[in-house]
C-alpha cells in the first residue's frame, strides 16, 4: 500500500467533505474519527482488528473491514502493517464507492 498517495487522497477527501484536514504526518486513529463517524451514520459497520498472533511474514497485524447493509453483501477489507494504512485504505475505498471520490 503506497502511504504517500493515500495521504494526498485523504487531504482531498477532507476538503470535499468539508471536514478537518488530514495533516502531512497522519498518525494515530483520532484523525480518522470524523470520517469513520460519517460512515457509521450512513449505516456502515467498521471493524478494526489488532492481531498479536501475526508474524512478520503475514500481510500485517492490522485488519480493517467495512460491512453492513449499506454494503449490500460486499465488504471493504485490508490487512496492513500500520493502523493508519489500514484505515486509509477503507476510508478511501468507501469514499470512492459512496461519496464519488475521484483522484
PDB file of N, CA and C in Angstrom:
ATOM      1  N   UNK A   1       0.845  -1.168   0.000  1.00  0.00           N
ATOM      2  CA  UNK A   1       0.000   0.000   0.000  1.00  0.00           C
ATOM      3  C   UNK A   1       0.896   1.239   0.000  1.00  0.00           C
ATOM      4  N   UNK A   2       0.673   2.149  -0.881  1.00  0.00           N
ATOM      5  CA  UNK A   2       1.507   3.343  -1.021  1.00  0.00           C
ATOM      6  C   UNK A   2       0.964   4.456  -0.132  1.00  0.00           C
ATOM      7  N   UNK A   3       1.590   4.665   1.024  1.00  0.00           N
ATOM      8  CA  UNK A   3       1.109   5.630   2.019  1.00  0.00           C
ATOM      9  C   UNK A   3       1.094   7.058   1.496  1.00  0.00           C
ATOM     10  N   UNK A   4       2.087   7.453   0.718  1.00  0.00           N
ATOM     11  CA  UNK A   4       2.158   8.830   0.233  1.00  0.00           C
ATOM     12  C   UNK A   4       0.938   9.161  -0.605  1.00  0.00           C
ATOM     13  N   UNK A   5       0.535   8.280  -1.481  1.00  0.00           N
ATOM     14  CA  UNK A   5      -0.664   8.512  -2.284  1.00  0.00           C
ATOM     15  C   UNK A   5      -1.903   8.622  -1.406  1.00  0.00           C
ATOM     16  N   UNK A   6      -2.002   7.786  -0.388  1.00  0.00           N
ATOM     17  CA  UNK A   6      -3.161   7.829   0.485  1.00  0.00           C
ATOM     18  C   UNK A   6      -3.219   9.142   1.251  1.00  0.00           C
ATOM     19  N   UNK A   7      -2.079   9.682   1.650  1.00  0.00           N
ATOM     20  CA  UNK A   7      -2.073  10.959   2.361  1.00  0.00           C
ATOM     21  C   UNK A   7      -2.654  12.068   1.492  1.00  0.00           C
ATOM     22  N   UNK A   8      -2.267  12.110   0.244  1.00  0.00           N
ATOM     23  CA  UNK A   8      -2.779  13.126  -0.677  1.00  0.00           C
ATOM     24  C   UNK A   8      -4.283  12.946  -0.886  1.00  0.00           C
ATOM     25  N   UNK A   9      -4.707  11.735  -1.093  1.00  0.00           N
ATOM     26  CA  UNK A   9      -6.130  11.460  -1.329  1.00  0.00           C
ATOM     27  C   UNK A   9      -6.950  11.805  -0.088  1.00  0.00           C
ATOM     28  N   UNK A  10      -6.434  11.494   1.091  1.00  0.00           N
ATOM     29  CA  UNK A  10      -7.156  11.822   2.320  1.00  0.00           C
ATOM     30  C   UNK A  10      -7.312  13.329   2.490  1.00  0.00           C
ATOM     31  N   UNK A  11      -6.302  14.087   2.129  1.00  0.00           N
ATOM     32  CA  UNK A  11      -6.421  15.544   2.206  1.00  0.00           C
ATOM     33  C   UNK A  11      -7.489  16.047   1.229  1.00  0.00           C
ATOM     34  N   UNK A  12      -7.523  15.478   0.026  1.00  0.00           N
ATOM     35  CA  UNK A  12      -8.546  15.860  -0.952  1.00  0.00           C
ATOM     36  C   UNK A  12      -9.941  15.494  -0.436  1.00  0.00           C
ATOM     37  N   UNK A  13     -10.054  14.338   0.202  1.00  0.00           N
ATOM     38  CA  UNK A  13     -11.334  13.900   0.753  1.00  0.00           C
ATOM     39  C   UNK A  13     -11.817  14.854   1.841  1.00  0.00           C
ATOM     40  N   UNK A  14     -10.928  15.278   2.712  1.00  0.00           N
ATOM     41  CA  UNK A  14     -11.302  16.204   3.784  1.00  0.00           C
ATOM     42  C   UNK A  14     -11.861  17.504   3.213  1.00  0.00           C
ATOM     43  N   UNK A  15     -11.248  18.017   2.160  1.00  0.00           N
ATOM     44  CA  UNK A  15     -11.741  19.237   1.519  1.00  0.00           C
ATOM     45  C   UNK A  15     -13.120  18.982   0.920  1.00  0.00           C
ATOM     46  N   UNK A  16     -13.273  17.877   0.220  1.00  0.00           N
ATOM     47  CA  UNK A  16     -14.551  17.546  -0.426  1.00  0.00           C
ATOM     48  C   UNK A  16     -15.679  17.433   0.597  1.00  0.00           C
ATOM     49  N   UNK A  17     -15.388  16.828   1.754  1.00  0.00           N
ATOM     50  CA  UNK A  17     -16.409  16.611   2.772  1.00  0.00           C
ATOM     51  C   UNK A  17     -16.530  17.769   3.764  1.00  0.00           C
ATOM     52  N   UNK A  18     -15.692  18.801   3.567  1.00  0.00           N
ATOM     53  CA  UNK A  18     -15.673  19.955   4.475  1.00  0.00           C
ATOM     54  C   UNK A  18     -15.457  19.505   5.912  1.00  0.00           C
ATOM     55  N   UNK A  19     -14.465  18.655   6.076  1.00  0.00           N
ATOM     56  CA  UNK A  19     -14.099  18.116   7.387  1.00  0.00           C
ATOM     57  C   UNK A  19     -12.694  18.584   7.732  1.00  0.00           C
ATOM     58  N   UNK A  20     -12.293  18.393   8.995  1.00  0.00           N
ATOM     59  CA  UNK A  20     -10.911  18.753   9.356  1.00  0.00           C
ATOM     60  C   UNK A  20      -9.920  18.059   8.438  1.00  0.00           C
ATOM     61  N   UNK A  21      -8.895  18.785   8.061  1.00  0.00           N
ATOM     62  CA  UNK A  21      -7.913  18.269   7.112  1.00  0.00           C
ATOM     63  C   UNK A  21      -6.991  17.256   7.774  1.00  0.00           C
ATOM     64  N   UNK A  22      -6.529  16.304   6.998  1.00  0.00           N
ATOM     65  CA  UNK A  22      -5.516  15.361   7.439  1.00  0.00           C
ATOM     66  C   UNK A  22      -4.171  16.054   7.305  1.00  0.00           C
ATOM     67  N   UNK A  23      -3.365  15.989   8.338  1.00  0.00           N
ATOM     68  CA  UNK A  23      -2.052  16.622   8.284  1.00  0.00           C
ATOM     69  C   UNK A  23      -1.122  15.796   7.403  1.00  0.00           C
ATOM     70  N   UNK A  24       0.020  16.380   7.089  1.00  0.00           N
ATOM     71  CA  UNK A  24       1.031  15.683   6.286  1.00  0.00           C
ATOM     72  C   UNK A  24       1.496  14.414   6.983  1.00  0.00           C
ATOM     73  N   UNK A  25       1.543  14.463   8.305  1.00  0.00           N
ATOM     74  CA  UNK A  25       2.052  13.345   9.081  1.00  0.00           C
ATOM     75  C   UNK A  25       0.889  12.651   9.784  1.00  0.00           C
ATOM     76  N   UNK A  26       0.136  11.859   9.041  1.00  0.00           N
ATOM     77  CA  UNK A  26      -1.028  11.173   9.585  1.00  0.00           C
ATOM     78  C   UNK A  26      -0.544  10.135  10.598  1.00  0.00           C
ATOM     79  N   UNK A  27      -0.979  10.310  11.856  1.00  0.00           N
ATOM     80  CA  UNK A  27      -0.565   9.383  12.898  1.00  0.00           C
ATOM     81  C   UNK A  27      -1.719   9.150  13.857  1.00  0.00           C
ATOM     82  N   UNK A  28      -1.958   7.906  14.161  1.00  0.00           N
ATOM     83  CA  UNK A  28      -2.987   7.552  15.125  1.00  0.00           C
ATOM     84  C   UNK A  28      -4.374   7.440  14.521  1.00  0.00           C
ATOM     85  N   UNK A  29      -5.299   7.097  15.384  1.00  0.00           N
ATOM     86  CA  UNK A  29      -6.675   6.839  14.975  1.00  0.00           C
ATOM     87  C   UNK A  29      -7.531   8.107  15.028  1.00  0.00           C
ATOM     88  N   UNK A  30      -7.202   9.026  15.928  1.00  0.00           N
ATOM     89  CA  UNK A  30      -8.056  10.195  16.159  1.00  0.00           C
ATOM     90  C   UNK A  30      -8.356  10.987  14.897  1.00  0.00           C
ATOM     91  N   UNK A  31      -7.384  11.143  14.024  1.00  0.00           N
ATOM     92  CA  UNK A  31      -7.573  11.929  12.804  1.00  0.00           C
ATOM     93  C   UNK A  31      -8.652  11.321  11.897  1.00  0.00           C
ATOM     94  N   UNK A  32      -8.873  10.021  12.008  1.00  0.00           N
ATOM     95  CA  UNK A  32      -9.858   9.330  11.174  1.00  0.00           C
ATOM     96  C   UNK A  32     -11.268   9.377  11.751  1.00  0.00           C
ATOM     97  N   UNK A  33     -11.408   9.706  13.030  1.00  0.00           N
ATOM     98  CA  UNK A  33     -12.711   9.584  13.690  1.00  0.00           C
ATOM     99  C   UNK A  33     -13.840  10.370  13.028  1.00  0.00           C
ATOM    100  N   UNK A  34     -13.657  11.620  12.582  1.00  0.00           N
ATOM    101  CA  UNK A  34     -14.779  12.307  11.921  1.00  0.00           C
ATOM    102  C   UNK A  34     -15.288  11.560  10.673  1.00  0.00           C
ATOM    103  N   UNK A  35     -14.372  11.012   9.900  1.00  0.00           N
ATOM    104  CA  UNK A  35     -14.774  10.286   8.686  1.00  0.00           C
ATOM    105  C   UNK A  35     -15.423   8.951   9.056  1.00  0.00           C
ATOM    106  N   UNK A  36     -14.856   8.249  10.031  1.00  0.00           N
ATOM    107  CA  UNK A  36     -15.438   6.978  10.468  1.00  0.00           C
ATOM    108  C   UNK A  36     -16.836   7.189  11.042  1.00  0.00           C
ATOM    109  N   UNK A  37     -17.027   8.285  11.763  1.00  0.00           N
ATOM    110  CA  UNK A  37     -18.363   8.608  12.292  1.00  0.00           C
ATOM    111  C   UNK A  37     -19.355   8.886  11.165  1.00  0.00           C
ATOM    112  N   UNK A  38     -18.930   9.586  10.135  1.00  0.00           N
ATOM    113  CA  UNK A  38     -19.795   9.830   8.972  1.00  0.00           C
ATOM    114  C   UNK A  38     -20.191   8.505   8.330  1.00  0.00           C
ATOM    115  N   UNK A  39     -19.225   7.606   8.172  1.00  0.00           N
ATOM    116  CA  UNK A  39     -19.507   6.286   7.603  1.00  0.00           C
ATOM    117  C   UNK A  39     -20.515   5.537   8.482  1.00  0.00           C
ATOM    118  N   UNK A  40     -20.307   5.573   9.797  1.00  0.00           N
ATOM    119  CA  UNK A  40     -21.210   4.891  10.733  1.00  0.00           C
ATOM    120  C   UNK A  40     -22.627   5.454  10.622  1.00  0.00           C
ATOM    121  N   UNK A  41     -22.742   6.772  10.554  1.00  0.00           N
ATOM    122  CA  UNK A  41     -24.073   7.394  10.449  1.00  0.00           C
ATOM    123  C   UNK A  41     -24.799   6.962   9.178  1.00  0.00           C
ATOM    124  N   UNK A  42     -24.041   6.618   8.149  1.00  0.00           N
ATOM    125  CA  UNK A  42     -24.644   6.162   6.891  1.00  0.00           C
ATOM    126  C   UNK A  42     -25.009   4.683   6.937  1.00  0.00           C
ATOM    127  N   UNK A  43     -24.653   4.003   8.011  1.00  0.00           N
ATOM    128  CA  UNK A  43     -25.025   2.595   8.159  1.00  0.00           C
ATOM    129  C   UNK A  43     -23.885   1.612   8.016  1.00  0.00           C
ATOM    130  N   UNK A  44     -22.676   2.091   7.850  1.00  0.00           N
ATOM    131  CA  UNK A  44     -21.525   1.190   7.722  1.00  0.00           C
ATOM    132  C   UNK A  44     -21.148   0.634   9.093  1.00  0.00           C
ATOM    133  N   UNK A  45     -20.711  -0.603   9.094  1.00  0.00           N
ATOM    134  CA  UNK A  45     -20.135  -1.238  10.275  1.00  0.00           C
ATOM    135  C   UNK A  45     -18.637  -1.311  10.023  1.00  0.00           C
ATOM    136  N   UNK A  46     -17.861  -0.750  10.945  1.00  0.00           N
ATOM    137  CA  UNK A  46     -16.417  -0.686  10.771  1.00  0.00           C
ATOM    138  C   UNK A  46     -15.774  -1.516  11.870  1.00  0.00           C
ATOM    139  N   UNK A  47     -14.935  -2.456  11.457  1.00  0.00           N
ATOM    140  CA  UNK A  47     -14.246  -3.326  12.405  1.00  0.00           C
ATOM    141  C   UNK A  47     -12.746  -3.133  12.229  1.00  0.00           C
ATOM    142  N   UNK A  48     -12.064  -2.963  13.346  1.00  0.00           N
ATOM    143  CA  UNK A  48     -10.607  -2.838  13.344  1.00  0.00           C
ATOM    144  C   UNK A  48     -10.059  -3.927  14.249  1.00  0.00           C
ATOM    145  N   UNK A  49      -9.141  -4.739  13.718  1.00  0.00           N
ATOM    146  CA  UNK A  49      -8.557  -5.832  14.492  1.00  0.00           C
ATOM    147  C   UNK A  49      -7.056  -5.628  14.592  1.00  0.00           C
ATOM    148  N   UNK A  50      -6.531  -5.715  15.793  1.00  0.00           N
ATOM    149  CA  UNK A  50      -5.098  -5.650  16.044  1.00  0.00           C
ATOM    150  C   UNK A  50      -4.685  -7.046  16.472  1.00  0.00           C
ATOM    151  N   UNK A  51      -3.976  -7.739  15.618  1.00  0.00           N
ATOM    152  CA  UNK A  51      -3.733  -9.169  15.792  1.00  0.00           C
ATOM    153  C   UNK A  51      -2.314  -9.438  16.283  1.00  0.00           C
ATOM    154  N   UNK A  52      -2.179  -9.727  17.549  1.00  0.00           N
ATOM    155  CA  UNK A  52      -0.886 -10.016  18.145  1.00  0.00           C
ATOM    156  C   UNK A  52      -0.331 -11.379  17.792  1.00  0.00           C
ATOM    157  N   UNK A  53      -1.119 -12.204  17.124  1.00  0.00           N
ATOM    158  CA  UNK A  53      -0.640 -13.535  16.742  1.00  0.00           C
ATOM    159  C   UNK A  53       0.002 -13.564  15.366  1.00  0.00           C
ATOM    160  N   UNK A  54      -0.051 -12.477  14.651  1.00  0.00           N
ATOM    161  CA  UNK A  54       0.548 -12.438  13.315  1.00  0.00           C
ATOM    162  C   UNK A  54       2.039 -12.187  13.410  1.00  0.00           C
ATOM    163  N   UNK A  55       2.762 -12.776  12.463  1.00  0.00           N
ATOM    164  CA  UNK A  55       4.201 -12.585  12.423  1.00  0.00           C
ATOM    165  C   UNK A  55       4.627 -11.684  11.290  1.00  0.00           C
ATOM    166  N   UNK A  56       5.930 -11.552  11.110  1.00  0.00           N
ATOM    167  CA  UNK A  56       6.472 -10.664  10.073  1.00  0.00           C
ATOM    168  C   UNK A  56       6.157 -11.147   8.658  1.00  0.00           C
ATOM    169  N   UNK A  57       5.902 -12.425   8.476  1.00  0.00           N
ATOM    170  CA  UNK A  57       5.623 -12.972   7.151  1.00  0.00           C
ATOM    171  C   UNK A  57       4.174 -12.763   6.704  1.00  0.00           C
ATOM    172  N   UNK A  58       3.322 -12.311   7.610  1.00  0.00           N
ATOM    173  CA  UNK A  58       1.921 -12.093   7.274  1.00  0.00           C
ATOM    174  C   UNK A  58       1.743 -10.749   6.573  1.00  0.00           C
ATOM    175  N   UNK A  59       0.523 -10.490   6.107  1.00  0.00           N
ATOM    176  CA  UNK A  59       0.224  -9.230   5.404  1.00  0.00           C
ATOM    177  C   UNK A  59       0.234  -8.021   6.321  1.00  0.00           C
ATOM    178  N   UNK A  60       0.234  -8.232   7.582  1.00  0.00           N
ATOM    179  CA  UNK A  60       0.237  -7.140   8.542  1.00  0.00           C
ATOM    180  C   UNK A  60      -0.658  -7.458   9.712  1.00  0.00           C
ATOM    181  N   UNK A  61      -0.357  -6.911  10.874  1.00  0.00           N
ATOM    182  CA  UNK A  61      -1.122  -7.232  12.072  1.00  0.00           C
ATOM    183  C   UNK A  61      -2.407  -6.426  12.232  1.00  0.00           C
ATOM    184  N   UNK A  62      -2.664  -5.483  11.324  1.00  0.00           N
ATOM    185  CA  UNK A  62      -3.847  -4.625  11.439  1.00  0.00           C
ATOM    186  C   UNK A  62      -4.835  -4.933  10.310  1.00  0.00           C
ATOM    187  N   UNK A  63      -6.043  -5.307  10.701  1.00  0.00           N
ATOM    188  CA  UNK A  63      -7.096  -5.597   9.732  1.00  0.00           C
ATOM    189  C   UNK A  63      -8.205  -4.574   9.916  1.00  0.00           C
ATOM    190  N   UNK A  64      -8.670  -4.007   8.823  1.00  0.00           N
ATOM    191  CA  UNK A  64      -9.808  -3.087   8.846  1.00  0.00           C
ATOM    192  C   UNK A  64     -10.847  -3.593   7.848  1.00  0.00           C
ATOM    193  N   UNK A  65     -12.098  -3.569   8.285  1.00  0.00           N
ATOM    194  CA  UNK A  65     -13.192  -4.084   7.455  1.00  0.00           C
ATOM    195  C   UNK A  65     -14.373  -3.118   7.531  1.00  0.00           C
ATOM    196  N   UNK A  66     -15.018  -2.884   6.395  1.00  0.00           N
ATOM    197  CA  UNK A  66     -16.283  -2.151   6.346  1.00  0.00           C
ATOM    198  C   UNK A  66     -17.319  -3.110   5.780  1.00  0.00           C
ATOM    199  N   UNK A  67     -18.422  -3.247   6.492  1.00  0.00           N
ATOM    200  CA  UNK A  67     -19.514  -4.102   6.030  1.00  0.00           C
ATOM    201  C   UNK A  67     -20.818  -3.507   6.518  1.00  0.00           C
ATOM    202  N   UNK A  68     -21.891  -4.244   6.434  1.00  0.00           N
ATOM    203  CA  UNK A  68     -23.200  -3.755   6.857  1.00  0.00           C
ATOM    204  C   UNK A  68     -24.163  -3.689   5.690  1.00  0.00           C
ATOM    205  N   UNK A  69     -25.411  -3.371   5.985  1.00  0.00           N
ATOM    206  CA  UNK A  69     -26.446  -3.346   4.950  1.00  0.00           C
ATOM    207  C   UNK A  69     -26.098  -2.407   3.812  1.00  0.00           C
ATOM    208  N   UNK A  70     -25.472  -1.282   4.122  1.00  0.00           N
ATOM    209  CA  UNK A  70     -25.121  -0.326   3.072  1.00  0.00           C
ATOM    210  C   UNK A  70     -24.209  -0.958   2.022  1.00  0.00           C
ATOM    211  N   UNK A  71     -23.445  -1.965   2.423  1.00  0.00           N
ATOM    212  CA  UNK A  71     -22.503  -2.623   1.520  1.00  0.00           C
ATOM    213  C   UNK A  71     -23.160  -3.687   0.644  1.00  0.00           C
ATOM    214  N   UNK A  72     -24.421  -3.989   0.898  1.00  0.00           N
ATOM    215  CA  UNK A  72     -25.197  -4.924   0.071  1.00  0.00           C
ATOM    216  C   UNK A  72     -24.472  -6.256  -0.133  1.00  0.00           C
ATOM    217  N   UNK A  73     -24.002  -6.832   0.968  1.00  0.00           N
ATOM    218  CA  UNK A  73     -23.377  -8.155   0.910  1.00  0.00           C
ATOM    219  C   UNK A  73     -21.900  -8.150   0.568  1.00  0.00           C
ATOM    220  N   UNK A  74     -21.353  -7.028   0.243  1.00  0.00           N
ATOM    221  CA  UNK A  74     -19.925  -6.939  -0.055  1.00  0.00           C
ATOM    222  C   UNK A  74     -19.205  -6.353   1.152  1.00  0.00           C
ATOM    223  N   UNK A  75     -17.893  -6.300   1.083  1.00  0.00           N
ATOM    224  CA  UNK A  75     -17.118  -5.669   2.143  1.00  0.00           C
ATOM    225  C   UNK A  75     -15.876  -5.021   1.565  1.00  0.00           C
ATOM    226  N   UNK A  76     -15.359  -4.072   2.301  1.00  0.00           N
ATOM    227  CA  UNK A  76     -14.059  -3.482   2.006  1.00  0.00           C
ATOM    228  C   UNK A  76     -13.151  -3.991   3.118  1.00  0.00           C
ATOM    229  N   UNK A  77     -12.036  -4.603   2.758  1.00  0.00           N
ATOM    230  CA  UNK A  77     -11.179  -5.240   3.759  1.00  0.00           C
ATOM    231  C   UNK A  77      -9.722  -5.100   3.359  1.00  0.00           C
ATOM    232  N   UNK A  78      -8.874  -4.922   4.368  1.00  0.00           N
ATOM    233  CA  UNK A  78      -7.440  -4.890   4.123  1.00  0.00           C
ATOM    234  C   UNK A  78      -6.686  -5.361   5.355  1.00  0.00           C
ATOM    235  N   UNK A  79      -5.514  -5.894   5.118  1.00  0.00           N
ATOM    236  CA  UNK A  79      -4.530  -6.171   6.156  1.00  0.00           C
ATOM    237  C   UNK A  79      -3.362  -5.245   5.873  1.00  0.00           C
ATOM    238  N   UNK A  80      -2.813  -4.632   6.917  1.00  0.00           N
ATOM    239  CA  UNK A  80      -1.759  -3.648   6.708  1.00  0.00           C
ATOM    240  C   UNK A  80      -0.726  -3.713   7.824  1.00  0.00           C
ATOM    241  N   UNK A  81       0.388  -3.049   7.570  1.00  0.00           N
ATOM    242  CA  UNK A  81       1.479  -3.004   8.539  1.00  0.00           C
ATOM    243  C   UNK A  81       1.274  -1.947   9.618  1.00  0.00           C
ATOM    244  N   UNK A  82       0.422  -0.943   9.342  1.00  0.00           N
ATOM    245  CA  UNK A  82       0.133   0.095  10.336  1.00  0.00           C
ATOM    246  C   UNK A  82      -1.368   0.345  10.404  1.00  0.00           C
ATOM    247  N   UNK A  83      -1.792   0.871  11.547  1.00  0.00           N
ATOM    248  CA  UNK A  83      -3.200   1.239  11.719  1.00  0.00           C
ATOM    249  C   UNK A  83      -3.588   2.287  10.684  1.00  0.00           C
ATOM    250  N   UNK A  84      -2.703   3.260  10.475  1.00  0.00           N
ATOM    251  CA  UNK A  84      -3.002   4.345   9.541  1.00  0.00           C
ATOM    252  C   UNK A  84      -3.192   3.836   8.111  1.00  0.00           C
ATOM    253  N   UNK A  85      -2.369   2.885   7.689  1.00  0.00           N
ATOM    254  CA  UNK A  85      -2.533   2.316   6.343  1.00  0.00           C
ATOM    255  C   UNK A  85      -3.860   1.582   6.226  1.00  0.00           C
ATOM    256  N   UNK A  86      -4.224   0.818   7.246  1.00  0.00           N
ATOM    257  CA  UNK A  86      -5.481   0.064   7.207  1.00  0.00           C
ATOM    258  C   UNK A  86      -6.682   1.006   7.145  1.00  0.00           C
ATOM    259  N   UNK A  87      -6.687   2.030   7.991  1.00  0.00           N
ATOM    260  CA  UNK A  87      -7.807   2.968   7.990  1.00  0.00           C
ATOM    261  C   UNK A  87      -7.844   3.803   6.719  1.00  0.00           C
ATOM    262  N   UNK A  88      -6.692   4.195   6.222  1.00  0.00           N
ATOM    263  CA  UNK A  88      -6.648   4.948   4.957  1.00  0.00           C
ATOM    264  C   UNK A  88      -7.292   4.143   3.844  1.00  0.00           C
ATOM    265  N   UNK A  89      -6.954   2.881   3.770  1.00  0.00           N
ATOM    266  CA  UNK A  89      -7.476   2.017   2.707  1.00  0.00           C
ATOM    267  C   UNK A  89      -9.005   1.945   2.751  1.00  0.00           C
ATOM    268  N   UNK A  90      -9.571   1.666   3.924  1.00  0.00           N
ATOM    269  CA  UNK A  90     -11.030   1.508   3.958  1.00  0.00           C
ATOM    270  C   UNK A  90     -11.749   2.834   3.748  1.00  0.00           C
ATOM    271  N   UNK A  91     -11.201   3.915   4.288  1.00  0.00           N
ATOM    272  CA  UNK A  91     -11.840   5.224   4.112  1.00  0.00           C
ATOM    273  C   UNK A  91     -11.835   5.633   2.639  1.00  0.00           C
ATOM    274  N   UNK A  92     -10.701   5.510   1.980  1.00  0.00           N
ATOM    275  CA  UNK A  92     -10.599   5.904   0.572  1.00  0.00           C
ATOM    276  C   UNK A  92     -11.497   5.045  -0.307  1.00  0.00           C
ATOM    277  N   UNK A  93     -11.507   3.743  -0.083  1.00  0.00           N
ATOM    278  CA  UNK A  93     -12.337   2.876  -0.927  1.00  0.00           C
ATOM    279  C   UNK A  93     -13.822   3.057  -0.655  1.00  0.00           C
ATOM    280  N   UNK A  94     -14.184   3.359   0.570  1.00  0.00           N
ATOM    281  CA  UNK A  94     -15.577   3.696   0.873  1.00  0.00           C
ATOM    282  C   UNK A  94     -15.954   5.004   0.171  1.00  0.00           C
ATOM    283  N   UNK A  95     -15.074   5.988   0.253  1.00  0.00           N
ATOM    284  CA  UNK A  95     -15.344   7.286  -0.389  1.00  0.00           C
ATOM    285  C   UNK A  95     -15.475   7.144  -1.899  1.00  0.00           C
ATOM    286  N   UNK A  96     -14.695   6.290  -2.500  1.00  0.00           N
ATOM    287  CA  UNK A  96     -14.818   6.059  -3.946  1.00  0.00           C
ATOM    288  C   UNK A  96     -16.185   5.481  -4.277  1.00  0.00           C
ATOM    289  N   UNK A  97     -16.665   4.604  -3.439  1.00  0.00           N
ATOM    290  CA  UNK A  97     -17.929   3.924  -3.716  1.00  0.00           C
ATOM    291  C   UNK A  97     -19.150   4.787  -3.393  1.00  0.00           C
ATOM    292  N   UNK A  98     -19.118   5.500  -2.267  1.00  0.00           N
ATOM    293  CA  UNK A  98     -20.333   6.175  -1.802  1.00  0.00           C
ATOM    294  C   UNK A  98     -20.292   7.697  -1.903  1.00  0.00           C
ATOM    295  N   UNK A  99     -19.133   8.288  -1.966  1.00  0.00           N
ATOM    296  CA  UNK A  99     -19.053   9.748  -1.987  1.00  0.00           C
ATOM    297  C   UNK A  99     -18.489  10.275  -3.294  1.00  0.00           C
ATOM    298  N   UNK A 100     -18.430   9.426  -4.286  1.00  0.00           N
ATOM    299  CA  UNK A 100     -17.981   9.824  -5.620  1.00  0.00           C
ATOM    300  C   UNK A 100     -16.599  10.483  -5.602  1.00  0.00           C
ATOM    301  N   UNK A 101     -15.699   9.928  -4.814  1.00  0.00           N
ATOM    302  CA  UNK A 101     -14.343  10.462  -4.749  1.00  0.00           C
ATOM    303  C   UNK A 101     -13.580  10.038  -5.981  1.00  0.00           C
ATOM    304  N   UNK A 102     -13.046  11.009  -6.677  1.00  0.00           N
ATOM    305  CA  UNK A 102     -12.205  10.773  -7.860  1.00  0.00           C
ATOM    306  C   UNK A 102     -10.894  11.490  -7.623  1.00  0.00           C
ATOM    307  N   UNK A 103      -9.811  10.771  -7.739  1.00  0.00           N
ATOM    308  CA  UNK A 103      -8.493  11.406  -7.545  1.00  0.00           C
ATOM    309  C   UNK A 103      -8.035  12.027  -8.841  1.00  0.00           C
TER     310      UNK A 103
END
